[in-house]
């Protein structure tokens, strides 16, 4: 997928949900945080293994 190289799908991780870079962090979680007004800085503070590009 062009432009979505940080989103991965693996049936062995989170039952195949779309995740960030093969980690057990669903894309839906990040989207939910952003949609509810969480800042990028706050998300990275709460999930330090995420990178700015993961959220963008």
Protein backbone atom coordinates (compact mmCIF):
# COMPACT_ATOMS: atom_id res chain seq x y z
CA UNK A 1 0.00 0.00 0.00
CA UNK A 2 1.47 3.27 -1.08
CA UNK A 3 1.90 5.64 1.86
CA UNK A 4 0.78 3.11 4.48
CA UNK A 5 3.97 1.13 5.02
CA UNK A 6 3.67 1.46 8.81
CA UNK A 7 0.34 -0.35 8.87
CA UNK A 8 0.71 -4.12 8.98
CA UNK A 9 -1.66 -7.07 9.02
CA UNK A 10 -0.61 -10.37 10.60
CA UNK A 11 -3.09 -13.06 11.61
CA UNK A 12 -0.79 -13.94 14.53
CA UNK A 13 -0.86 -10.40 15.97
CA UNK A 14 -4.09 -8.96 17.40
CA UNK A 15 -6.17 -11.47 15.40
CA UNK A 16 -5.14 -9.84 12.12
CA UNK A 17 -6.24 -6.31 12.98
CA UNK A 18 -4.44 -3.44 11.30
CA UNK A 19 -1.50 -2.65 13.60
CA UNK A 20 1.38 -0.21 13.73
CA UNK A 21 4.64 -1.73 12.45
CA UNK A 22 3.78 -5.26 13.56
CA UNK A 23 3.40 -4.23 17.19
CA UNK A 24 0.37 -4.99 19.30
CA UNK A 25 -0.90 -1.46 18.81
CA UNK A 26 -4.04 -1.41 16.68
CA UNK A 27 -4.45 1.41 14.20
CA UNK A 28 -7.96 1.83 15.61
CA UNK A 29 -6.48 2.75 19.01
CA UNK A 30 -4.31 5.49 17.53
CA UNK A 31 -7.21 6.79 15.43
CA UNK A 32 -9.46 6.83 18.48
CA UNK A 33 -6.92 8.80 20.50
CA UNK A 34 -6.44 11.38 17.73
CA UNK A 35 -10.18 11.66 17.08
CA UNK A 36 -10.79 12.34 20.76
CA UNK A 37 -8.34 15.23 20.79
CA UNK A 38 -5.21 13.57 22.16
CA UNK A 39 -2.11 15.41 20.99
CA UNK A 40 0.69 13.61 19.20
CA UNK A 41 3.02 14.49 22.07
CA UNK A 42 0.64 12.99 24.63
CA UNK A 43 0.24 9.80 22.60
CA UNK A 44 4.01 9.38 22.31
CA UNK A 45 4.34 10.03 26.04
CA UNK A 46 1.80 7.29 26.78
CA UNK A 47 3.16 4.94 24.08
CA UNK A 48 6.90 5.74 23.86
CA UNK A 49 7.55 2.92 21.38
CA UNK A 50 5.45 4.78 18.79
CA UNK A 51 7.10 7.29 16.49
CA UNK A 52 5.74 10.53 15.09
CA UNK A 53 5.39 8.91 11.66
CA UNK A 54 3.27 6.13 13.17
CA UNK A 55 0.68 8.69 14.25
CA UNK A 56 0.83 10.86 11.16
